[in-house]
Amino acid sequence: MKNDTQAKAYKTPAAQTLSPVRLVEYQDGSVVSREVLKKPTGSVTVFAFDDGQGLSEHTAPFDALVFVLEGEAEITIAGQPHRLNGGEMILMPAGQPHALKALHRFKMILTMIRS
């Protein structure tokens, strides 16, 4: 019962097949996100970045895994740029500065592990 309540709170249906690409839509000049799951041990969020949009350099105290669903992104980790296309993923280690930029519109899943 507890899981059903949490699923409703985040508007993500439990035990149903979903298309992550369809969970967020692009918006001109914006970054859009939708939290799919949030627990004390981590979270899963789907993002849509319009062309040229991004997140400025920052650090996080936890490891994060980025899986690019579609499009093309540049993800810079500790000063080193990485070009990712749909179907590719990269681990952003805890404590290392990172930034993201859409080279073309792209969607991604961010999985943050807090342990």
Protein backbone atom coordinates (compact mmCIF):
# COMPACT_ATOMS: atom_id res chain seq x y z
CA MET A 1 0.00 0.00 0.00
CA LYS A 2 2.82 2.42 0.81
CA ASN A 3 4.31 2.05 -2.70
CA ASP A 4 0.95 2.91 -4.32
CA THR A 5 0.76 6.14 -2.30
CA GLN A 6 4.29 7.13 -3.30
CA ALA A 7 3.61 6.34 -6.95
CA LYS A 8 0.55 8.61 -6.88
CA ALA A 9 2.49 11.37 -5.13
CA TYR A 10 4.98 11.45 -8.02
CA LYS A 11 2.30 10.80 -10.68
CA THR A 12 4.19 7.74 -11.87
CA PRO A 13 2.02 4.64 -12.05
CA ALA A 14 3.47 1.54 -10.42
CA ALA A 15 3.67 -1.79 -12.25
CA GLN A 16 2.94 -0.24 -15.66
CA THR A 17 5.07 -0.07 -18.76
CA LEU A 18 6.08 3.51 -19.56
CA SER A 19 8.02 5.15 -22.37
CA PRO A 20 10.56 7.46 -20.70
CA VAL A 21 10.82 9.56 -23.87
CA ARG A 22 7.13 10.41 -23.52
CA LEU A 23 7.31 11.39 -19.84
CA VAL A 24 8.63 14.88 -20.65
CA GLU A 25 8.15 17.14 -23.66
CA TYR A 26 10.55 19.70 -25.06
CA GLN A 27 9.80 23.36 -24.39
CA ASP A 28 11.47 26.11 -26.39
CA GLY A 29 14.41 27.64 -24.53
CA SER A 30 13.92 25.44 -21.45
CA VAL A 31 14.97 22.43 -19.47
CA VAL A 32 12.01 20.31 -18.36
CA SER A 33 12.16 17.56 -15.75
CA ARG A 34 9.88 14.98 -14.22
CA GLU A 35 10.78 13.04 -11.12
CA VAL A 36 9.83 9.40 -11.65
CA LEU A 37 10.94 7.98 -8.33
CA LYS A 38 12.29 9.48 -5.12
CA LYS A 39 13.50 7.48 -2.14
CA PRO A 40 15.92 8.26 0.70
CA THR A 41 18.50 6.10 -1.14
CA GLY A 42 18.19 7.83 -4.50
CA SER A 43 16.04 9.21 -7.28
CA VAL A 44 15.24 8.79 -10.97
CA THR A 45 14.41 11.88 -13.04
CA VAL A 46 13.70 12.30 -16.76
CA PHE A 47 14.87 15.54 -18.40
CA ALA A 48 14.25 17.24 -21.76
CA PHE A 49 16.77 19.92 -22.83
CA ASP A 50 16.02 22.27 -25.69
CA ASP A 51 18.83 22.95 -28.17
CA GLY A 52 21.62 24.93 -26.48
CA GLN A 53 20.17 24.61 -22.97
CA GLY A 54 22.11 23.05 -20.10
CA LEU A 55 23.05 22.91 -16.47
CA SER A 56 26.02 24.96 -15.31
CA GLU A 57 28.97 23.34 -13.59
CA HIS A 58 28.18 22.01 -10.13
CA THR A 59 29.11 19.12 -7.85
CA ALA A 60 26.98 16.53 -6.12
CA PRO A 61 27.87 14.46 -3.07
CA PHE A 62 26.53 11.30 -4.74
CA ASP A 63 27.25 9.25 -7.86
CA ALA A 64 24.87 9.91 -10.74
CA LEU A 65 24.26 7.91 -13.91
CA VAL A 66 23.08 9.72 -17.04
CA PHE A 67 21.42 7.70 -19.80
CA VAL A 68 20.74 9.70 -22.97
CA LEU A 69 17.44 8.62 -24.49
CA GLU A 70 17.59 10.69 -27.69
CA GLY A 71 19.47 13.62 -29.15
CA GLU A 72 23.02 14.75 -28.45
CA ALA A 73 24.64 16.21 -25.34
CA GLU A 74 28.01 17.34 -24.10
CA ILE A 75 28.63 16.33 -20.51
CA THR A 76 31.78 17.76 -18.96
CA ILE A 77 33.19 15.95 -15.93
CA ALA A 78 36.22 17.35 -14.08
CA GLY A 79 37.00 19.57 -17.08
CA GLN A 80 36.85 16.77 -19.67
CA PRO A 81 34.04 16.99 -22.25
CA HIS A 82 32.17 13.84 -23.31
CA ARG A 83 29.84 13.78 -26.32
CA LEU A 84 26.88 11.44 -25.84
CA ASN A 85 24.14 10.37 -28.25
CA GLY A 86 20.87 8.54 -27.71
CA GLY A 87 21.48 5.08 -26.26
CA GLU A 88 24.71 6.03 -24.46
CA MET A 89 25.34 6.61 -20.76
CA ILE A 90 28.02 7.99 -18.46
CA LEU A 91 28.72 7.88 -14.72
CA MET A 92 29.29 11.22 -13.02
CA PRO A 93 31.33 10.41 -9.89
CA ALA A 94 30.47 11.99 -6.55
CA GLY A 95 32.39 15.13 -5.72
CA GLN A 96 33.59 15.85 -9.28
CA PRO A 97 32.38 19.03 -10.97
CA HIS A 98 30.14 18.40 -13.97
CA ALA A 99 28.01 20.34 -16.46
CA LEU A 100 25.57 19.41 -19.22
CA LYS A 101 24.76 21.13 -22.52
CA ALA A 102 22.38 20.17 -25.34
CA LEU A 103 24.26 20.10 -28.64
CA HIS A 104 20.87 19.22 -30.12
CA ARG A 105 17.63 18.73 -28.23
CA PHE A 106 18.06 15.74 -25.98
CA LYS A 107 16.30 13.72 -23.33
CA MET A 108 17.97 11.80 -20.53
CA ILE A 109 17.32 9.76 -17.43
CA LEU A 110 19.30 10.81 -14.35
CA THR A 111 19.68 8.15 -11.67
CA MET A 112 21.14 9.47 -8.41
CA ILE A 113 22.39 6.98 -5.83
CA ARG A 114 22.65 8.34 -2.28
CA SER A 115 24.64 5.65 -0.53
